[in-house]
C-alpha atoms as a PDB file:
ATOM      1  CA  MET A   1     106.139  -4.479 149.243  1.00  0.00           C
ATOM      2  CA  GLN A   2     108.620  -4.688 152.122  1.00  0.00           C
ATOM      3  CA  THR A   3     105.737  -4.479 154.570  1.00  0.00           C
ATOM      4  CA  TYR A   4     103.869  -7.201 152.674  1.00  0.00           C
ATOM      5  CA  VAL A   5     106.896  -9.522 152.686  1.00  0.00           C
ATOM      6  CA  ALA A   6     107.540  -8.812 156.376  1.00  0.00           C
ATOM      7  CA  SER A   7     103.935  -9.775 157.165  1.00  0.00           C
ATOM      8  CA  GLN A   8     104.419 -13.254 155.681  1.00  0.00           C
ATOM      9  CA  PRO A   9     105.821 -15.855 158.105  1.00  0.00           C
ATOM     10  CA  GLY A  10     109.182 -17.212 156.999  1.00  0.00           C
ATOM     11  CA  TRP A  11     109.583 -14.857 154.032  1.00  0.00           C
ATOM     12  CA  HIS A  12     112.605 -12.682 153.473  1.00  0.00           C
ATOM     13  CA  ILE A  13     113.822 -10.606 150.568  1.00  0.00           C
ATOM     14  CA  ALA A  14     116.469 -12.485 148.599  1.00  0.00           C
ATOM     15  CA  LEU A  15     116.485 -10.246 145.537  1.00  0.00           C
ATOM     16  CA  ARG A  16     115.140  -6.815 144.677  1.00  0.00           C
ATOM     17  CA  SER A  17     114.619  -5.873 141.097  1.00  0.00           C
ATOM     18  CA  SER A  18     113.019  -3.086 139.140  1.00  0.00           C
ATOM     19  CA  ASP A  19     113.138  -1.860 135.598  1.00  0.00           C
ATOM     20  CA  TYR A  20     112.677   1.548 134.134  1.00  0.00           C
ATOM     21  CA  ALA A  21     112.506   0.163 130.599  1.00  0.00           C
ATOM     22  CA  SER A  22     109.216  -0.419 128.838  1.00  0.00           C
ATOM     23  CA  GLY A  23     107.062  -3.289 130.033  1.00  0.00           C
ATOM     24  CA  GLY A  24     106.489  -4.065 126.352  1.00  0.00           C
ATOM     25  CA  THR A  25     109.759  -5.957 126.092  1.00  0.00           C
ATOM     26  CA  LEU A  26     111.312  -8.956 127.809  1.00  0.00           C
ATOM     27  CA  LYS A  27     114.780  -7.464 127.353  1.00  0.00           C
ATOM     28  CA  ARG A  28     114.825  -5.731 130.718  1.00  0.00           C
ATOM     29  CA  PRO A  29     117.756  -6.298 133.076  1.00  0.00           C
ATOM     30  CA  GLY A  30     115.583  -6.606 136.181  1.00  0.00           C
ATOM     31  CA  LEU A  31     113.218  -9.113 134.593  1.00  0.00           C
ATOM     32  CA  GLN A  32     116.129 -11.130 133.244  1.00  0.00           C
ATOM     33  CA  ARG A  33     117.676 -11.173 136.746  1.00  0.00           C
ATOM     34  CA  ILE A  34     114.401 -12.530 138.158  1.00  0.00           C
ATOM     35  CA  LEU A  35     114.135 -15.213 135.468  1.00  0.00           C
ATOM     36  CA  ALA A  36     117.767 -16.232 136.057  1.00  0.00           C
ATOM     37  CA  ALA A  37     117.120 -16.480 139.812  1.00  0.00           C
ATOM     38  CA  ALA A  38     114.055 -18.634 139.145  1.00  0.00           C
ATOM     39  CA  ARG A  39     116.004 -20.905 136.785  1.00  0.00           C
ATOM     40  CA  SER A  40     118.792 -21.375 139.323  1.00  0.00           C
ATOM     41  CA  GLY A  41     116.361 -22.000 142.200  1.00  0.00           C
ATOM     42  CA  ASP A  42     117.431 -18.906 144.119  1.00  0.00           C
ATOM     43  CA  ILE A  43     113.848 -17.680 144.595  1.00  0.00           C
ATOM     44  CA  ASP A  44     110.662 -19.513 145.421  1.00  0.00           C
ATOM     45  CA  VAL A  45     108.250 -16.554 145.686  1.00  0.00           C
ATOM     46  CA  LEU A  46     108.074 -13.466 143.507  1.00  0.00           C
ATOM     47  CA  VAL A  47     106.152 -10.536 144.943  1.00  0.00           C
ATOM     48  CA  VAL A  48     105.037  -7.874 142.472  1.00  0.00           C
ATOM     49  CA  ASN A  49     102.924  -4.786 143.014  1.00  0.00           C
ATOM     50  CA  HIS A  50     100.713  -5.533 140.019  1.00  0.00           C
ATOM     51  CA  LEU A  51     100.623  -8.292 137.419  1.00  0.00           C
ATOM     52  CA  TYR A  52     101.366  -5.804 134.657  1.00  0.00           C
ATOM     53  CA  SER A  53     104.686  -5.090 136.400  1.00  0.00           C
ATOM     54  CA  LEU A  54     105.935  -8.288 134.768  1.00  0.00           C
ATOM     55  CA  SER A  55     104.852  -7.304 131.261  1.00  0.00           C
ATOM     56  CA  ARG A  56     102.307  -5.199 129.457  1.00  0.00           C
ATOM     57  CA  ARG A  57     102.083  -7.643 126.528  1.00  0.00           C
ATOM     58  CA  THR A  58      99.853 -10.671 127.000  1.00  0.00           C
ATOM     59  CA  GLN A  59     102.181 -13.104 125.224  1.00  0.00           C
ATOM     60  CA  HIS A  60     105.161 -11.939 127.247  1.00  0.00           C
ATOM     61  CA  LEU A  61     103.176 -12.096 130.476  1.00  0.00           C
ATOM     62  CA  ALA A  62     102.061 -15.649 129.686  1.00  0.00           C
ATOM     63  CA  PHE A  63     105.684 -16.616 128.980  1.00  0.00           C
ATOM     64  CA  VAL A  64     106.985 -15.060 132.204  1.00  0.00           C
ATOM     65  CA  LEU A  65     104.238 -16.612 134.340  1.00  0.00           C
ATOM     66  CA  SER A  66     104.782 -20.003 132.726  1.00  0.00           C
ATOM     67  CA  GLU A  67     108.545 -19.751 133.174  1.00  0.00           C
ATOM     68  CA  LEU A  68     108.172 -18.874 136.840  1.00  0.00           C
ATOM     69  CA  THR A  69     105.425 -21.324 137.802  1.00  0.00           C
ATOM     70  CA  SER A  70     107.025 -24.214 135.892  1.00  0.00           C
ATOM     71  CA  ARG A  71     110.085 -23.735 138.091  1.00  0.00           C
ATOM     72  CA  GLY A  72     108.025 -23.757 141.276  1.00  0.00           C
ATOM     73  CA  VAL A  73     108.110 -19.999 141.829  1.00  0.00           C
ATOM     74  CA  ARG A  74     104.973 -18.698 143.474  1.00  0.00           C
ATOM     75  CA  VAL A  75     103.847 -15.335 142.047  1.00  0.00           C
ATOM     76  CA  VAL A  76     102.010 -13.031 144.448  1.00  0.00           C
ATOM     77  CA  SER A  77     100.684  -9.509 143.990  1.00  0.00           C
ATOM     78  CA  ALA A  78     100.996  -7.240 147.010  1.00  0.00           C
ATOM     79  CA  ALA A  79      98.314  -4.915 145.582  1.00  0.00           C
ATOM     80  CA  ASP A  80      95.890  -7.630 144.441  1.00  0.00           C
ATOM     81  CA  PRO A  81      95.673 -10.553 146.874  1.00  0.00           C
ATOM     82  CA  ALA A  82      93.602 -12.493 144.311  1.00  0.00           C
ATOM     83  CA  LEU A  83      96.797 -13.012 142.340  1.00  0.00           C
ATOM     84  CA  ASP A  84      98.595 -15.797 144.122  1.00  0.00           C
ATOM     85  CA  THR A  85      99.591 -18.767 142.015  1.00  0.00           C
ATOM     86  CA  GLU A  86      99.243 -21.075 145.022  1.00  0.00           C
ATOM     87  CA  THR A  87      95.484 -20.497 145.062  1.00  0.00           C
ATOM     88  CA  ALA A  88      92.901 -21.886 142.672  1.00  0.00           C
ATOM     89  CA  HIS A  89      91.862 -18.352 141.703  1.00  0.00           C
ATOM     90  CA  GLY A  90      95.457 -17.300 141.061  1.00  0.00           C
ATOM     91  CA  LEU A  91      96.117 -20.354 138.884  1.00  0.00           C
ATOM     92  CA  PHE A  92      92.894 -19.617 137.015  1.00  0.00           C
ATOM     93  CA  LEU A  93      94.138 -16.092 136.277  1.00  0.00           C
ATOM     94  CA  VAL A  94      97.430 -17.511 134.943  1.00  0.00           C
ATOM     95  CA  ARG A  95      95.522 -19.940 132.706  1.00  0.00           C
ATOM     96  CA  VAL A  96      93.266 -17.152 131.416  1.00  0.00           C
ATOM     97  CA  VAL A  97      96.285 -14.996 130.548  1.00  0.00           C
ATOM     98  CA  THR A  98      97.880 -17.969 128.785  1.00  0.00           C
ATOM     99  CA  ALA A  99      94.678 -18.725 126.856  1.00  0.00           C
ATOM    100  CA  VAL A 100      94.317 -15.095 125.762  1.00  0.00           C
ATOM    101  CA  ALA A 101      97.949 -15.081 124.616  1.00  0.00           C
ATOM    102  CA  GLU A 102      97.342 -18.243 122.574  1.00  0.00           C
ATOM    103  CA  ILE A 103      94.254 -16.696 120.974  1.00  0.00           C
ATOM    104  CA  GLU A 104      96.203 -13.539 120.129  1.00  0.00           C
ATOM    105  CA  GLN A 105      99.040 -15.628 118.648  1.00  0.00           C
ATOM    106  CA  THR A 106      96.630 -17.732 116.586  1.00  0.00           C
ATOM    107  CA  GLY A 107      94.963 -14.571 115.303  1.00  0.00           C
ATOM    108  CA  ALA A 108      98.299 -12.981 114.422  1.00  0.00           C
ATOM    109  CA  VAL A 109      99.397 -16.096 112.508  1.00  0.00           C
ATOM    110  CA  ALA A 110      96.085 -16.180 110.629  1.00  0.00           C
ATOM    111  CA  ASP A 111      96.394 -12.466 109.799  1.00  0.00           C
ATOM    112  CA  ARG A 112      99.912 -12.962 108.384  1.00  0.00           C
ATOM    113  CA  ARG A 113      98.770 -15.997 106.379  1.00  0.00           C
ATOM    114  CA  ASP A 114      95.789 -14.081 104.968  1.00  0.00           C
ATOM    115  CA  ARG A 115      97.985 -11.095 104.118  1.00  0.00           C
ATOM    116  CA  ARG A 116     100.488 -13.323 102.253  1.00  0.00           C
ATOM    117  CA  ARG A 117      97.662 -15.074 100.402  1.00  0.00           C
ATOM    118  CA  HIS A 118      96.174 -11.726  99.399  1.00  0.00           C
ATOM    119  CA  GLU A 119      99.580 -10.463  98.210  1.00  0.00           C
ATOM    120  CA  GLN A 120     100.091 -13.622  96.161  1.00  0.00           C
ATOM    121  CA  LEU A 121      96.645 -13.329  94.563  1.00  0.00           C
ATOM    122  CA  SER A 122      97.199  -9.655  93.834  1.00  0.00           C
ATOM    123  CA  GLY A 123     100.494 -10.507  92.165  1.00  0.00           C
ATOM    124  CA  ASP A 124      98.897 -13.243  90.027  1.00  0.00           C
ATOM    125  CA  GLU A 125      96.169 -10.961  88.754  1.00  0.00           C
ATOM    126  CA  SER A 126      98.524  -8.228  87.584  1.00  0.00           C
ATOM    127  CA  PRO A 127      98.659  -7.727  83.811  1.00  0.00           C
ATOM    128  CA  LEU A 128     101.642  -9.284  82.100  1.00  0.00           C
ATOM    129  CA  ALA A 129     103.962  -7.004  80.182  1.00  0.00           C
ATOM    130  CA  GLY A 130     104.214  -8.070  76.661  1.00  0.00           C
END
């Protein structure tokens, strides 16, 4: 990634961050440091090796990408040049990830609602002790 950053005119490394914790959680010190830097305006480009470096869960990835791009942080993948949120294709990828996360969330909510409804119906049909 250093070589990639060095090849970009005007870019320099302001912050390095990595996590050894699971990508399945947002509670990672390195990720939290990046989000804090984005919120304070200390970074304007985030270079990752791969998109899944940010998160392995679609909903978390959508949140992180939204948090970064809404604060004007450009997200670029050194390994996959198609992921660059300053390009139409890169923005499309972000929107697809966000849409998939919304579909997953809607499905999860519907599953919980159906499970509760089923539990309520099962409870109503139980024989009364008398």
